[in-house]
Amino acid sequence: MSGQENFTAYFQPQIAVNYKVAGLYSQNFSVLSRNYIYEREELLFKGRQLDITHYSNLKIRDNQSIALGIKYRFRNNFEDKENELRFTQQYNITHKPHIVRFGHRVRAQQRITNSLTVHRFRYRFAMDFPLIGEKLDLGEPYFVGSFENLLSVAKSNAPQYDIRLSGQIGWQLDRDIKFQMGLEYRMEDYSSVLPQNILFLLTSAQLSL
């Protein structure tokens, strides 16, 4: 068996809008497209899914927040796969002792399709910092990196363990506009006989209102 049979690569652009509603409450809307660029030892470009997501965020302290999210994933339009409805509950805390900001995020999710409901539990450690000087100014680059562990459980299925490692370079183009690009590596079901290795080429534009 070729070592490349368990390797897949995607191109994944995303557009997100952050909107401050009032006081400590804000909302986030995003649209994401995932497209194959390498699958089954072949280079190609083929759509896999389209995600539409909404989060409601409440700041509970200066460096802490909780959030509820809902996502709908369109798969049936691209492949013979079920669409998915997903609910998310999230807690986030950040700490910035110097120029580097550290973040811890915990999520619980329910991934619902017609045939199965999967409960997923996630922990992410992240950091970000300016690449020039000690303060991020307009037009200057910054780095964002993260490591995440995931556990997925479902009735009659064995637990699945995943890890994710990502690094992105971003630019504060305007006071309210950011652009990021980078890579993410995922090892899915790493306790199985044949774990899946997945690479993402990421781009994202973020607008704050």
N, C-alpha and C. Protein backbone atom coordinates (compact mmCIF):
# COMPACT_ATOMS: atom_id res chain seq x y z
N MET A 1 0.85 -1.20 0.00
CA MET A 1 0.00 0.00 0.00
C MET A 1 0.88 1.24 0.00
N SER A 2 0.57 2.17 -0.87
CA SER A 2 1.34 3.41 -0.95
C SER A 2 1.11 4.26 0.27
N GLY A 3 2.19 4.93 0.73
CA GLY A 3 2.06 5.79 1.89
C GLY A 3 1.22 7.02 1.64
N GLN A 4 0.93 7.30 0.33
CA GLN A 4 0.14 8.48 0.00
C GLN A 4 -1.36 8.22 0.00
N GLU A 5 -1.79 6.98 0.16
CA GLU A 5 -3.21 6.67 0.09
C GLU A 5 -3.99 7.23 1.28
N ASN A 6 -3.29 7.53 2.37
CA ASN A 6 -3.97 8.11 3.52
C ASN A 6 -3.61 9.59 3.69
N PHE A 7 -3.28 10.25 2.56
CA PHE A 7 -2.96 11.67 2.58
C PHE A 7 -3.90 12.42 1.64
N THR A 8 -4.49 13.52 2.16
CA THR A 8 -5.39 14.36 1.39
C THR A 8 -5.02 15.82 1.65
N ALA A 9 -5.16 16.66 0.63
CA ALA A 9 -4.87 18.08 0.79
C ALA A 9 -6.05 18.90 0.27
N TYR A 10 -6.31 20.02 0.96
CA TYR A 10 -7.44 20.89 0.61
C TYR A 10 -6.98 22.34 0.50
N PHE A 11 -7.71 23.09 -0.31
CA PHE A 11 -7.63 24.55 -0.31
C PHE A 11 -8.91 25.05 0.35
N GLN A 12 -8.77 25.90 1.39
CA GLN A 12 -9.92 26.28 2.20
C GLN A 12 -9.95 27.79 2.43
N PRO A 13 -10.64 28.55 1.57
CA PRO A 13 -10.82 29.99 1.80
C PRO A 13 -12.02 30.26 2.70
N GLN A 14 -11.98 31.35 3.44
CA GLN A 14 -13.04 31.71 4.38
C GLN A 14 -13.21 33.22 4.43
N ILE A 15 -14.45 33.65 4.57
CA ILE A 15 -14.78 35.06 4.80
C ILE A 15 -15.58 35.13 6.10
N ALA A 16 -15.18 36.03 7.01
CA ALA A 16 -15.85 36.15 8.31
C ALA A 16 -16.16 37.62 8.60
N VAL A 17 -17.28 37.83 9.27
CA VAL A 17 -17.68 39.18 9.69
C VAL A 17 -17.95 39.14 11.19
N ASN A 18 -17.27 40.01 11.94
CA ASN A 18 -17.50 40.15 13.38
C ASN A 18 -18.31 41.42 13.62
N TYR A 19 -19.36 41.28 14.39
CA TYR A 19 -20.26 42.41 14.59
C TYR A 19 -20.54 42.59 16.09
N LYS A 20 -20.16 43.76 16.62
CA LYS A 20 -20.43 44.05 18.02
C LYS A 20 -21.85 44.57 18.15
N VAL A 21 -22.70 43.80 18.83
CA VAL A 21 -24.11 44.16 18.94
C VAL A 21 -24.30 45.26 19.97
N ALA A 22 -23.86 44.99 21.21
CA ALA A 22 -23.99 45.98 22.29
C ALA A 22 -23.19 45.50 23.49
N GLY A 23 -22.46 46.42 24.10
CA GLY A 23 -21.75 46.10 25.34
C GLY A 23 -20.80 44.94 25.18
N LEU A 24 -21.06 43.87 25.92
CA LEU A 24 -20.19 42.70 25.94
C LEU A 24 -20.62 41.61 24.97
N TYR A 25 -21.66 41.88 24.20
CA TYR A 25 -22.23 40.86 23.31
C TYR A 25 -21.86 41.15 21.85
N SER A 26 -21.38 40.13 21.15
CA SER A 26 -21.03 40.27 19.74
C SER A 26 -21.43 39.02 18.98
N GLN A 27 -21.44 39.13 17.65
CA GLN A 27 -21.79 38.01 16.79
C GLN A 27 -20.73 37.84 15.72
N ASN A 28 -20.63 36.61 15.22
CA ASN A 28 -19.71 36.29 14.15
C ASN A 28 -20.42 35.45 13.10
N PHE A 29 -20.28 35.85 11.83
CA PHE A 29 -20.83 35.10 10.71
C PHE A 29 -19.68 34.73 9.78
N SER A 30 -19.69 33.51 9.25
CA SER A 30 -18.62 33.12 8.33
C SER A 30 -19.14 32.16 7.28
N VAL A 31 -18.48 32.20 6.12
CA VAL A 31 -18.73 31.26 5.03
C VAL A 31 -17.38 30.66 4.64
N LEU A 32 -17.35 29.33 4.55
CA LEU A 32 -16.11 28.60 4.29
C LEU A 32 -16.34 27.61 3.16
N SER A 33 -15.37 27.53 2.27
CA SER A 33 -15.42 26.57 1.17
C SER A 33 -14.22 25.64 1.26
N ARG A 34 -14.47 24.32 1.25
CA ARG A 34 -13.37 23.34 1.29
C ARG A 34 -13.31 22.61 -0.05
N ASN A 35 -12.11 22.59 -0.63
CA ASN A 35 -11.94 22.05 -1.98
C ASN A 35 -10.74 21.10 -2.02
N TYR A 36 -10.93 19.94 -2.64
CA TYR A 36 -9.81 19.01 -2.82
C TYR A 36 -8.77 19.61 -3.76
N ILE A 37 -7.48 19.45 -3.40
CA ILE A 37 -6.41 19.73 -4.34
C ILE A 37 -5.48 18.52 -4.49
N TYR A 38 -5.58 17.55 -3.58
CA TYR A 38 -4.84 16.28 -3.72
C TYR A 38 -5.63 15.19 -3.02
N GLU A 39 -5.96 14.14 -3.77
CA GLU A 39 -6.73 13.02 -3.20
C GLU A 39 -6.42 11.76 -3.99
N ARG A 40 -6.23 10.66 -3.27
CA ARG A 40 -5.98 9.36 -3.89
C ARG A 40 -4.83 9.42 -4.90
N GLU A 41 -3.77 10.09 -4.46
CA GLU A 41 -2.53 10.19 -5.24
C GLU A 41 -2.71 10.97 -6.53
N GLU A 42 -3.70 11.85 -6.60
CA GLU A 42 -3.92 12.66 -7.79
C GLU A 42 -4.09 14.13 -7.42
N LEU A 43 -3.52 15.00 -8.25
CA LEU A 43 -3.75 16.43 -8.13
C LEU A 43 -5.06 16.76 -8.85
N LEU A 44 -5.89 17.58 -8.21
CA LEU A 44 -7.18 17.94 -8.78
C LEU A 44 -7.70 19.18 -8.06
N PHE A 45 -8.78 19.73 -8.57
CA PHE A 45 -9.48 20.80 -7.86
C PHE A 45 -10.97 20.48 -7.93
N LYS A 46 -11.54 20.13 -6.76
CA LYS A 46 -12.94 19.70 -6.71
C LYS A 46 -13.56 20.13 -5.39
N GLY A 47 -14.74 20.71 -5.45
CA GLY A 47 -15.41 21.13 -4.23
C GLY A 47 -15.80 19.95 -3.35
N ARG A 48 -15.67 20.13 -2.03
CA ARG A 48 -16.06 19.09 -1.08
C ARG A 48 -17.25 19.50 -0.23
N GLN A 49 -17.26 20.78 0.23
CA GLN A 49 -18.34 21.23 1.12
C GLN A 49 -18.37 22.74 1.19
N LEU A 50 -19.49 23.24 1.71
CA LEU A 50 -19.66 24.67 2.00
C LEU A 50 -20.25 24.78 3.39
N ASP A 51 -19.59 25.56 4.27
CA ASP A 51 -20.04 25.74 5.65
C ASP A 51 -20.53 27.16 5.86
N ILE A 52 -21.69 27.29 6.50
CA ILE A 52 -22.20 28.59 6.93
C ILE A 52 -22.34 28.53 8.46
N THR A 53 -21.70 29.48 9.15
CA THR A 53 -21.59 29.40 10.61
C THR A 53 -21.98 30.73 11.25
N HIS A 54 -22.61 30.62 12.43
CA HIS A 54 -22.92 31.80 13.24
C HIS A 54 -22.54 31.52 14.69
N TYR A 55 -21.88 32.50 15.32
CA TYR A 55 -21.55 32.43 16.75
C TYR A 55 -22.10 33.66 17.46
N SER A 56 -22.63 33.43 18.66
CA SER A 56 -23.00 34.50 19.58
C SER A 56 -22.02 34.47 20.74
N ASN A 57 -21.32 35.59 20.97
CA ASN A 57 -20.25 35.65 21.97
C ASN A 57 -20.60 36.62 23.10
N LEU A 58 -20.34 36.20 24.31
CA LEU A 58 -20.56 37.04 25.48
C LEU A 58 -19.28 37.12 26.28
N LYS A 59 -18.78 38.33 26.48
CA LYS A 59 -17.57 38.54 27.26
C LYS A 59 -17.94 38.55 28.73
N ILE A 60 -17.35 37.64 29.51
CA ILE A 60 -17.69 37.54 30.93
C ILE A 60 -16.63 38.20 31.82
N ARG A 61 -15.42 38.37 31.29
CA ARG A 61 -14.36 39.15 31.93
C ARG A 61 -13.52 39.75 30.82
N ASP A 62 -12.54 40.58 31.18
CA ASP A 62 -11.71 41.22 30.16
C ASP A 62 -11.04 40.21 29.24
N ASN A 63 -10.66 39.06 29.79
CA ASN A 63 -9.92 38.07 29.00
C ASN A 63 -10.66 36.75 28.84
N GLN A 64 -11.96 36.73 29.14
CA GLN A 64 -12.71 35.48 29.07
C GLN A 64 -14.04 35.70 28.36
N SER A 65 -14.47 34.66 27.63
CA SER A 65 -15.76 34.74 26.93
C SER A 65 -16.38 33.36 26.80
N ILE A 66 -17.69 33.34 26.62
CA ILE A 66 -18.41 32.12 26.31
C ILE A 66 -19.16 32.36 25.01
N ALA A 67 -19.47 31.28 24.30
CA ALA A 67 -20.12 31.44 23.01
C ALA A 67 -20.98 30.23 22.69
N LEU A 68 -22.02 30.47 21.91
CA LEU A 68 -22.86 29.42 21.34
C LEU A 68 -22.81 29.55 19.83
N GLY A 69 -22.67 28.42 19.14
CA GLY A 69 -22.55 28.46 17.69
C GLY A 69 -23.47 27.47 17.01
N ILE A 70 -23.80 27.77 15.77
CA ILE A 70 -24.57 26.85 14.93
C ILE A 70 -23.95 26.88 13.53
N LYS A 71 -23.82 25.71 12.94
CA LYS A 71 -23.22 25.58 11.61
C LYS A 71 -24.08 24.64 10.78
N TYR A 72 -24.19 24.98 9.49
CA TYR A 72 -24.79 24.02 8.56
C TYR A 72 -23.77 23.73 7.48
N ARG A 73 -23.49 22.46 7.28
CA ARG A 73 -22.50 22.01 6.31
C ARG A 73 -23.19 21.36 5.13
N PHE A 74 -22.99 21.93 3.94
CA PHE A 74 -23.55 21.38 2.71
C PHE A 74 -22.54 20.41 2.11
N ARG A 75 -22.83 19.10 2.15
CA ARG A 75 -21.98 18.08 1.53
C ARG A 75 -22.68 17.45 0.33
N ASN A 76 -24.00 17.28 0.44
CA ASN A 76 -24.74 16.57 -0.60
C ASN A 76 -24.70 17.27 -1.94
N ASN A 77 -24.45 18.58 -1.92
CA ASN A 77 -24.36 19.33 -3.17
C ASN A 77 -23.08 19.03 -3.94
N PHE A 78 -22.07 18.47 -3.26
CA PHE A 78 -20.77 18.23 -3.87
C PHE A 78 -20.44 16.75 -3.99
N GLU A 79 -20.85 15.96 -3.01
CA GLU A 79 -20.55 14.53 -2.98
C GLU A 79 -21.78 13.77 -2.48
N ASP A 80 -21.71 12.46 -2.59
CA ASP A 80 -22.80 11.62 -2.09
C ASP A 80 -22.62 11.41 -0.59
N LYS A 81 -22.71 12.52 0.17
CA LYS A 81 -22.56 12.51 1.62
C LYS A 81 -23.70 13.30 2.24
N GLU A 82 -23.97 13.01 3.51
CA GLU A 82 -25.06 13.69 4.20
C GLU A 82 -24.66 15.10 4.60
N ASN A 83 -25.61 16.01 4.54
CA ASN A 83 -25.40 17.34 5.11
C ASN A 83 -25.35 17.23 6.63
N GLU A 84 -24.80 18.27 7.28
CA GLU A 84 -24.60 18.21 8.72
C GLU A 84 -25.06 19.50 9.40
N LEU A 85 -25.75 19.32 10.52
CA LEU A 85 -26.09 20.44 11.41
C LEU A 85 -25.23 20.30 12.66
N ARG A 86 -24.59 21.40 13.07
CA ARG A 86 -23.66 21.32 14.19
C ARG A 86 -23.96 22.43 15.20
N PHE A 87 -23.99 22.06 16.49
CA PHE A 87 -24.13 23.00 17.59
C PHE A 87 -22.83 23.02 18.38
N THR A 88 -22.43 24.22 18.85
CA THR A 88 -21.17 24.37 19.58
C THR A 88 -21.38 25.19 20.84
N GLN A 89 -20.74 24.73 21.94
CA GLN A 89 -20.67 25.49 23.19
C GLN A 89 -19.19 25.72 23.47
N GLN A 90 -18.82 26.96 23.79
CA GLN A 90 -17.41 27.32 23.84
C GLN A 90 -17.07 28.20 25.04
N TYR A 91 -15.87 27.96 25.60
CA TYR A 91 -15.28 28.84 26.61
C TYR A 91 -13.88 29.19 26.17
N ASN A 92 -13.53 30.49 26.25
CA ASN A 92 -12.23 30.96 25.77
C ASN A 92 -11.60 31.89 26.82
N ILE A 93 -10.30 31.71 27.05
CA ILE A 93 -9.57 32.59 27.96
C ILE A 93 -8.22 32.92 27.33
N THR A 94 -7.80 34.18 27.45
CA THR A 94 -6.53 34.61 26.90
C THR A 94 -5.66 35.23 28.00
N HIS A 95 -4.35 35.24 27.74
CA HIS A 95 -3.38 35.79 28.69
C HIS A 95 -2.24 36.40 27.87
N LYS A 96 -1.85 37.63 28.18
CA LYS A 96 -0.80 38.32 27.43
C LYS A 96 0.21 38.91 28.40
N PRO A 97 1.19 38.09 28.82
CA PRO A 97 2.19 38.60 29.78
C PRO A 97 3.14 39.62 29.17
N HIS A 98 3.47 39.46 27.87
CA HIS A 98 4.37 40.40 27.20
C HIS A 98 3.78 40.70 25.82
N ILE A 99 4.56 40.50 24.75
CA ILE A 99 4.03 40.78 23.41
C ILE A 99 3.28 39.58 22.84
N VAL A 100 3.49 38.40 23.42
CA VAL A 100 2.81 37.20 22.93
C VAL A 100 1.51 37.00 23.69
N ARG A 101 0.43 36.81 22.97
CA ARG A 101 -0.86 36.50 23.59
C ARG A 101 -1.11 35.00 23.49
N PHE A 102 -1.45 34.38 24.63
CA PHE A 102 -1.75 32.96 24.69
C PHE A 102 -3.26 32.78 24.88
N GLY A 103 -3.80 31.74 24.26
CA GLY A 103 -5.23 31.49 24.39
C GLY A 103 -5.53 30.02 24.62
N HIS A 104 -6.52 29.77 25.46
CA HIS A 104 -7.02 28.42 25.72
C HIS A 104 -8.50 28.39 25.36
N ARG A 105 -8.90 27.42 24.54
CA ARG A 105 -10.29 27.32 24.14
C ARG A 105 -10.78 25.89 24.33
N VAL A 106 -11.96 25.77 24.96
CA VAL A 106 -12.61 24.47 25.15
C VAL A 106 -13.95 24.50 24.44
N ARG A 107 -14.21 23.45 23.65
CA ARG A 107 -15.47 23.37 22.93
C ARG A 107 -16.12 22.00 23.12
N ALA A 108 -17.45 22.00 23.20
CA ALA A 108 -18.25 20.79 23.08
C ALA A 108 -19.14 20.97 21.86
N GLN A 109 -19.25 19.92 21.05
CA GLN A 109 -20.02 20.03 19.82
C GLN A 109 -20.91 18.81 19.63
N GLN A 110 -22.03 19.04 18.96
CA GLN A 110 -22.93 17.97 18.55
C GLN A 110 -23.05 18.04 17.03
N ARG A 111 -22.56 17.00 16.36
CA ARG A 111 -22.59 16.94 14.90
C ARG A 111 -23.73 16.00 14.48
N ILE A 112 -24.74 16.57 13.86
CA ILE A 112 -25.98 15.83 13.61
C ILE A 112 -26.19 15.63 12.12
N THR A 113 -26.32 14.37 11.71
CA THR A 113 -26.74 14.01 10.36
C THR A 113 -27.97 13.12 10.47
N ASN A 114 -28.54 12.75 9.35
CA ASN A 114 -29.74 11.89 9.38
C ASN A 114 -29.46 10.54 10.00
N SER A 115 -28.24 10.05 9.86
CA SER A 115 -27.93 8.68 10.30
C SER A 115 -27.21 8.61 11.65
N LEU A 116 -26.63 9.73 12.13
CA LEU A 116 -25.78 9.64 13.32
C LEU A 116 -25.63 10.99 13.99
N THR A 117 -25.47 10.95 15.33
CA THR A 117 -25.09 12.14 16.10
C THR A 117 -23.76 11.86 16.77
N VAL A 118 -22.78 12.71 16.49
CA VAL A 118 -21.44 12.57 17.06
C VAL A 118 -21.21 13.69 18.07
N HIS A 119 -20.75 13.32 19.26
CA HIS A 119 -20.39 14.31 20.28
C HIS A 119 -18.88 14.47 20.25
N ARG A 120 -18.45 15.74 20.10
CA ARG A 120 -17.02 15.99 19.98
C ARG A 120 -16.58 16.99 21.04
N PHE A 121 -15.42 16.73 21.63
CA PHE A 121 -14.86 17.57 22.69
C PHE A 121 -13.46 18.02 22.24
N ARG A 122 -13.20 19.34 22.34
CA ARG A 122 -12.01 19.91 21.76
C ARG A 122 -11.30 20.84 22.74
N TYR A 123 -9.97 20.77 22.75
CA TYR A 123 -9.16 21.74 23.50
C TYR A 123 -8.10 22.29 22.56
N ARG A 124 -8.00 23.64 22.51
CA ARG A 124 -7.02 24.29 21.64
C ARG A 124 -6.16 25.25 22.44
N PHE A 125 -4.85 25.16 22.21
CA PHE A 125 -3.90 26.14 22.74
C PHE A 125 -3.39 26.96 21.56
N ALA A 126 -3.45 28.29 21.68
CA ALA A 126 -3.04 29.16 20.57
C ALA A 126 -2.16 30.29 21.07
N MET A 127 -1.42 30.87 20.14
CA MET A 127 -0.62 32.06 20.44
C MET A 127 -0.58 32.96 19.21
N ASP A 128 -0.44 34.26 19.45
CA ASP A 128 -0.26 35.19 18.34
C ASP A 128 0.62 36.35 18.81
N PHE A 129 1.36 36.94 17.87
CA PHE A 129 2.25 38.05 18.22
C PHE A 129 2.65 38.78 16.94
N PRO A 130 2.97 40.08 17.06
CA PRO A 130 3.43 40.85 15.89
C PRO A 130 4.81 40.38 15.46
N LEU A 131 5.07 40.42 14.15
CA LEU A 131 6.37 40.01 13.62
C LEU A 131 7.35 41.17 13.50
N ILE A 132 6.84 42.40 13.68
CA ILE A 132 7.69 43.58 13.65
C ILE A 132 7.41 44.40 14.90
N GLY A 133 8.41 44.58 15.74
CA GLY A 133 8.25 45.38 16.94
C GLY A 133 7.41 44.70 18.00
N GLU A 134 6.98 45.49 18.97
CA GLU A 134 6.22 44.96 20.10
C GLU A 134 4.72 45.25 20.00
N LYS A 135 4.34 46.05 19.01
CA LYS A 135 2.94 46.43 18.85
C LYS A 135 2.55 46.29 17.39
N LEU A 136 1.34 45.78 17.15
CA LEU A 136 0.87 45.58 15.79
C LEU A 136 0.31 46.89 15.23
N ASP A 137 0.94 47.38 14.16
CA ASP A 137 0.48 48.58 13.48
C ASP A 137 -0.16 48.21 12.15
N LEU A 138 -0.90 49.13 11.58
CA LEU A 138 -1.58 48.88 10.32
C LEU A 138 -0.57 48.52 9.23
N GLY A 139 -0.91 47.48 8.48
CA GLY A 139 -0.06 47.03 7.38
C GLY A 139 1.05 46.09 7.78
N GLU A 140 1.25 45.88 9.07
CA GLU A 140 2.33 45.01 9.53
C GLU A 140 1.85 43.58 9.73
N PRO A 141 2.75 42.60 9.58
CA PRO A 141 2.37 41.20 9.70
C PRO A 141 2.37 40.71 11.15
N TYR A 142 1.63 39.65 11.39
CA TYR A 142 1.63 38.97 12.68
C TYR A 142 1.55 37.46 12.44
N PHE A 143 1.83 36.70 13.48
CA PHE A 143 1.80 35.23 13.39
C PHE A 143 0.74 34.69 14.32
N VAL A 144 0.01 33.67 13.85
CA VAL A 144 -0.97 32.95 14.67
C VAL A 144 -0.67 31.46 14.56
N GLY A 145 -0.50 30.81 15.69
CA GLY A 145 -0.26 29.37 15.71
C GLY A 145 -1.13 28.68 16.74
N SER A 146 -1.46 27.41 16.48
CA SER A 146 -2.32 26.70 17.43
C SER A 146 -2.06 25.20 17.38
N PHE A 147 -2.40 24.55 18.50
CA PHE A 147 -2.37 23.09 18.61
C PHE A 147 -3.69 22.67 19.25
N GLU A 148 -4.36 21.67 18.66
CA GLU A 148 -5.67 21.28 19.16
C GLU A 148 -5.79 19.76 19.23
N ASN A 149 -6.40 19.29 20.32
CA ASN A 149 -6.75 17.88 20.50
C ASN A 149 -8.26 17.72 20.42
N LEU A 150 -8.72 16.64 19.77
CA LEU A 150 -10.15 16.40 19.62
C LEU A 150 -10.49 14.96 19.96
N LEU A 151 -11.64 14.77 20.60
CA LEU A 151 -12.20 13.44 20.88
C LEU A 151 -13.62 13.41 20.36
N SER A 152 -13.92 12.41 19.51
CA SER A 152 -15.26 12.25 18.97
C SER A 152 -15.83 10.91 19.42
N VAL A 153 -17.06 10.95 19.93
CA VAL A 153 -17.71 9.72 20.39
C VAL A 153 -19.13 9.67 19.82
N ALA A 154 -19.56 8.45 19.49
CA ALA A 154 -20.90 8.24 18.95
C ALA A 154 -21.35 6.84 19.30
N LYS A 155 -22.64 6.64 19.38
CA LYS A 155 -23.22 5.36 19.73
C LYS A 155 -22.79 4.29 18.74
N SER A 156 -22.32 3.17 19.27
CA SER A 156 -21.91 2.00 18.48
C SER A 156 -20.63 2.23 17.68
N ASN A 157 -19.96 3.36 17.90
CA ASN A 157 -18.69 3.63 17.21
C ASN A 157 -17.55 3.71 18.21
N ALA A 158 -16.36 3.31 17.78
CA ALA A 158 -15.19 3.47 18.63
C ALA A 158 -14.82 4.95 18.73
N PRO A 159 -14.28 5.41 19.86
CA PRO A 159 -13.86 6.81 19.98
C PRO A 159 -12.81 7.15 18.92
N GLN A 160 -12.84 8.38 18.44
CA GLN A 160 -11.86 8.84 17.46
C GLN A 160 -11.07 10.01 18.06
N TYR A 161 -9.74 9.93 17.94
CA TYR A 161 -8.84 10.96 18.46
C TYR A 161 -8.14 11.65 17.29
N ASP A 162 -8.18 12.98 17.30
CA ASP A 162 -7.54 13.77 16.24
C ASP A 162 -6.63 14.82 16.86
N ILE A 163 -5.63 15.25 16.09
CA ILE A 163 -4.82 16.40 16.47
C ILE A 163 -4.73 17.35 15.28
N ARG A 164 -4.57 18.64 15.60
CA ARG A 164 -4.46 19.66 14.57
C ARG A 164 -3.35 20.64 14.94
N LEU A 165 -2.53 20.98 13.98
CA LEU A 165 -1.43 21.93 14.19
C LEU A 165 -1.46 22.93 13.04
N SER A 166 -1.52 24.23 13.38
CA SER A 166 -1.64 25.23 12.32
C SER A 166 -0.72 26.42 12.59
N GLY A 167 -0.33 27.07 11.50
CA GLY A 167 0.45 28.31 11.56
C GLY A 167 0.04 29.21 10.41
N GLN A 168 -0.24 30.48 10.73
CA GLN A 168 -0.67 31.42 9.71
C GLN A 168 0.02 32.78 9.90
N ILE A 169 0.25 33.46 8.79
CA ILE A 169 0.73 34.83 8.79
C ILE A 169 -0.44 35.73 8.43
N GLY A 170 -0.62 36.80 9.21
CA GLY A 170 -1.73 37.71 8.96
C GLY A 170 -1.25 39.14 8.82
N TRP A 171 -2.11 39.97 8.24
CA TRP A 171 -1.83 41.39 8.09
C TRP A 171 -3.04 42.19 8.55
N GLN A 172 -2.80 43.22 9.36
CA GLN A 172 -3.85 44.16 9.76
C GLN A 172 -3.92 45.21 8.67
N LEU A 173 -4.74 44.95 7.64
CA LEU A 173 -4.77 45.82 6.47
C LEU A 173 -5.39 47.17 6.76
N ASP A 174 -6.37 47.16 7.65
CA ASP A 174 -7.10 48.37 8.03
C ASP A 174 -7.50 48.19 9.48
N ARG A 175 -8.06 49.22 10.07
CA ARG A 175 -8.48 49.10 11.47
C ARG A 175 -9.49 47.97 11.65
N ASP A 176 -10.27 47.68 10.62
CA ASP A 176 -11.34 46.69 10.74
C ASP A 176 -11.17 45.50 9.81
N ILE A 177 -10.04 45.38 9.10
CA ILE A 177 -9.88 44.31 8.13
C ILE A 177 -8.56 43.57 8.36
N LYS A 178 -8.65 42.24 8.43
CA LYS A 178 -7.48 41.39 8.55
C LYS A 178 -7.50 40.36 7.42
N PHE A 179 -6.30 39.99 6.98
CA PHE A 179 -6.15 38.90 6.02
C PHE A 179 -5.11 37.93 6.54
N GLN A 180 -5.42 36.62 6.47
CA GLN A 180 -4.50 35.59 6.96
C GLN A 180 -4.34 34.49 5.92
N MET A 181 -3.15 33.88 5.92
CA MET A 181 -2.92 32.71 5.08
C MET A 181 -1.89 31.83 5.76
N GLY A 182 -2.01 30.51 5.54
CA GLY A 182 -1.08 29.59 6.18
C GLY A 182 -1.46 28.16 5.93
N LEU A 183 -0.94 27.28 6.80
CA LEU A 183 -1.13 25.84 6.65
C LEU A 183 -1.69 25.25 7.94
N GLU A 184 -2.45 24.17 7.78
CA GLU A 184 -2.89 23.38 8.93
C GLU A 184 -2.70 21.91 8.60
N TYR A 185 -2.12 21.19 9.56
CA TYR A 185 -1.95 19.74 9.42
C TYR A 185 -2.86 19.03 10.42
N ARG A 186 -3.56 18.01 9.95
CA ARG A 186 -4.42 17.23 10.82
C ARG A 186 -4.05 15.75 10.71
N MET A 187 -3.99 15.09 11.85
CA MET A 187 -3.92 13.63 11.88
C MET A 187 -5.22 13.15 12.51
N GLU A 188 -6.06 12.52 11.69
CA GLU A 188 -7.37 12.09 12.14
C GLU A 188 -7.35 10.60 12.48
N ASP A 189 -8.00 10.28 13.60
CA ASP A 189 -8.10 8.90 14.09
C ASP A 189 -6.70 8.29 14.26
N TYR A 190 -5.85 9.03 15.00
CA TYR A 190 -4.44 8.64 15.09
C TYR A 190 -4.19 7.37 15.89
N SER A 191 -5.21 6.88 16.62
CA SER A 191 -5.04 5.62 17.34
C SER A 191 -5.41 4.41 16.50
N SER A 192 -5.85 4.62 15.27
CA SER A 192 -6.26 3.51 14.40
C SER A 192 -5.05 2.92 13.68
N VAL A 193 -5.27 1.85 12.95
CA VAL A 193 -4.20 1.20 12.20
C VAL A 193 -3.70 2.10 11.08
N LEU A 194 -4.61 2.85 10.44
CA LEU A 194 -4.24 3.72 9.33
C LEU A 194 -4.80 5.12 9.56
N PRO A 195 -4.11 5.94 10.35
CA PRO A 195 -4.59 7.32 10.56
C PRO A 195 -4.54 8.11 9.27
N GLN A 196 -5.44 9.11 9.18
CA GLN A 196 -5.52 9.95 7.99
C GLN A 196 -4.70 11.23 8.18
N ASN A 197 -3.84 11.52 7.22
CA ASN A 197 -3.02 12.73 7.24
C ASN A 197 -3.62 13.73 6.26
N ILE A 198 -3.93 14.93 6.76
CA ILE A 198 -4.63 15.93 5.96
C ILE A 198 -3.90 17.27 6.07
N LEU A 199 -3.71 17.91 4.93
CA LEU A 199 -3.06 19.21 4.89
C LEU A 199 -4.01 20.23 4.28
N PHE A 200 -4.11 21.40 4.92
CA PHE A 200 -4.97 22.48 4.45
C PHE A 200 -4.13 23.68 4.06
N LEU A 201 -4.43 24.24 2.90
CA LEU A 201 -3.93 25.56 2.54
C LEU A 201 -5.04 26.55 2.87
N LEU A 202 -4.79 27.42 3.85
CA LEU A 202 -5.83 28.28 4.41
C LEU A 202 -5.65 29.72 3.95
N THR A 203 -6.78 30.36 3.65
CA THR A 203 -6.81 31.81 3.48
C THR A 203 -8.09 32.32 4.15
N SER A 204 -8.03 33.50 4.74
CA SER A 204 -9.22 34.05 5.37
C SER A 204 -9.17 35.58 5.37
N ALA A 205 -10.33 36.16 5.20
CA ALA A 205 -10.51 37.61 5.31
C ALA A 205 -11.49 37.86 6.44
N GLN A 206 -11.15 38.77 7.35
CA GLN A 206 -11.98 39.05 8.52
C GLN A 206 -12.32 40.53 8.57
N LEU A 207 -13.60 40.81 8.65
CA LEU A 207 -14.09 42.18 8.71
C LEU A 207 -14.79 42.40 10.04
N SER A 208 -14.42 43.45 10.76
CA SER A 208 -15.04 43.80 12.04
C SER A 208 -15.88 45.07 11.86
N LEU A 209 -17.13 45.00 12.28
CA LEU A 209 -18.05 46.13 12.15
C LEU A 209 -18.32 46.78 13.49
